[in-house]
């Protein structure tokens, strides 16, 4: 089943985010290579493609996992959690309708 994983950035974490980005992306590439990634990306902290020093308010990942528990375990192991980028992570089932 698909699961939506929303990570919410803490305040002033852009430097931490950038330091952990390569490891974070490697995990997403692994999901993609397994055919389990629907989409992933950051949410700019302002209405701009490149928010510059304003950074990001969080990220959204929609991926396939065997269970809600497996999705939560994957999310909890993210480098953005380990380095304190995310102050909160929500994981919930997602049903793709369109396209």
Protein backbone atom coordinates (compact mmCIF):
# COMPACT_ATOMS: atom_id res chain seq x y z
CA UNK A 1 0.00 0.00 0.00
CA UNK A 2 1.05 3.61 -0.51
CA UNK A 3 1.92 5.78 2.50
CA UNK A 4 2.33 9.54 2.74
CA UNK A 5 5.25 10.58 4.91
CA UNK A 6 5.36 14.23 5.90
CA UNK A 7 8.40 15.55 7.71
CA UNK A 8 8.12 18.97 9.34
CA UNK A 9 11.34 20.95 9.67
CA UNK A 10 12.30 22.58 12.93
CA UNK A 11 13.44 26.20 13.06
CA UNK A 12 16.83 27.21 11.63
CA UNK A 13 17.74 23.77 10.26
CA UNK A 14 18.78 24.58 6.68
CA UNK A 15 22.47 23.85 7.34
CA UNK A 16 21.59 20.51 8.97
CA UNK A 17 19.28 19.68 6.06
CA UNK A 18 22.00 20.37 3.50
CA UNK A 19 24.55 18.31 5.46
CA UNK A 20 22.25 15.26 5.58
CA UNK A 21 20.80 15.67 2.08
CA UNK A 22 23.02 13.19 0.21
CA UNK A 23 22.21 10.36 2.63
CA UNK A 24 18.51 11.31 2.61
CA UNK A 25 18.44 11.25 -1.22
CA UNK A 26 20.26 7.90 -1.34
CA UNK A 27 17.40 6.31 0.59
CA UNK A 28 14.87 7.84 -1.80
CA UNK A 29 16.86 6.61 -4.80
CA UNK A 30 16.75 3.10 -3.32
CA UNK A 31 12.95 3.26 -3.10
CA UNK A 32 12.81 4.58 -6.66
CA UNK A 33 15.07 1.80 -7.93
CA UNK A 34 12.79 -0.76 -6.26
CA UNK A 35 9.75 0.78 -8.00
CA UNK A 36 8.25 1.84 -4.65
CA UNK A 37 8.49 5.66 -4.88
CA UNK A 38 5.53 7.62 -6.21
CA UNK A 39 6.94 11.07 -5.45
CA UNK A 40 9.21 12.93 -3.08
CA UNK A 41 10.29 16.50 -2.56
CA UNK A 42 10.78 19.38 -0.17
CA UNK A 43 8.26 22.09 0.66
CA UNK A 44 9.83 25.56 0.29
CA UNK A 45 9.28 27.80 3.31
CA UNK A 46 8.08 30.54 0.96
CA UNK A 47 6.25 30.71 -2.36
CA UNK A 48 9.33 30.27 -4.54
CA UNK A 49 11.00 27.43 -6.42
CA UNK A 50 14.28 28.30 -4.67
CA UNK A 51 13.58 29.68 -1.19
CA UNK A 52 17.24 30.59 -0.63
CA UNK A 53 18.11 31.13 3.04
CA UNK A 54 14.43 30.82 4.04
CA UNK A 55 14.90 27.09 3.52
CA UNK A 56 12.13 24.54 3.69
CA UNK A 57 9.17 23.83 5.95
CA UNK A 58 9.49 20.08 5.46
CA UNK A 59 9.23 17.29 2.91
CA UNK A 60 6.67 14.92 1.46
CA UNK A 61 7.37 11.33 0.41
CA UNK A 62 4.75 8.97 -1.00
CA UNK A 63 6.05 5.43 -1.23
CA UNK A 64 4.92 1.84 -1.08
CA UNK A 65 5.48 -0.24 2.06
CA UNK A 66 4.18 -3.58 3.33
CA UNK A 67 2.48 -1.95 6.33
CA UNK A 68 2.01 1.26 8.26
CA UNK A 69 4.57 0.02 10.78
CA UNK A 70 7.12 -0.56 7.98
CA UNK A 71 6.50 2.94 6.63
CA UNK A 72 6.95 4.44 10.11
CA UNK A 73 10.15 2.48 10.67
CA UNK A 74 11.54 3.69 7.34
CA UNK A 75 10.59 7.29 8.17
CA UNK A 76 12.10 7.08 11.66
CA UNK A 77 15.42 5.91 10.16
CA UNK A 78 15.70 8.94 7.87
CA UNK A 79 18.87 11.03 8.31
CA UNK A 80 16.71 14.14 8.65
CA UNK A 81 15.28 12.60 11.84
CA UNK A 82 18.68 11.54 13.17
CA UNK A 83 20.22 14.98 12.61
CA UNK A 84 17.32 16.98 14.03
CA UNK A 85 16.04 18.48 10.78
CA UNK A 86 12.54 17.12 11.30
CA UNK A 87 10.76 18.14 14.47
CA UNK A 88 7.78 15.95 13.59
CA UNK A 89 7.00 13.18 11.11
CA UNK A 90 3.48 12.09 10.17
CA UNK A 91 2.89 8.80 8.36
CA UNK A 92 -0.51 7.81 7.03
CA UNK A 93 -2.02 5.56 4.37
CA UNK A 94 -2.46 7.11 0.93
CA UNK A 95 -4.73 6.02 -1.90
CA UNK A 96 -3.66 7.15 -5.36
CA UNK A 97 -6.60 8.10 -7.55
CA UNK A 98 -5.19 10.41 -10.24
CA UNK A 99 -3.45 10.47 -12.60
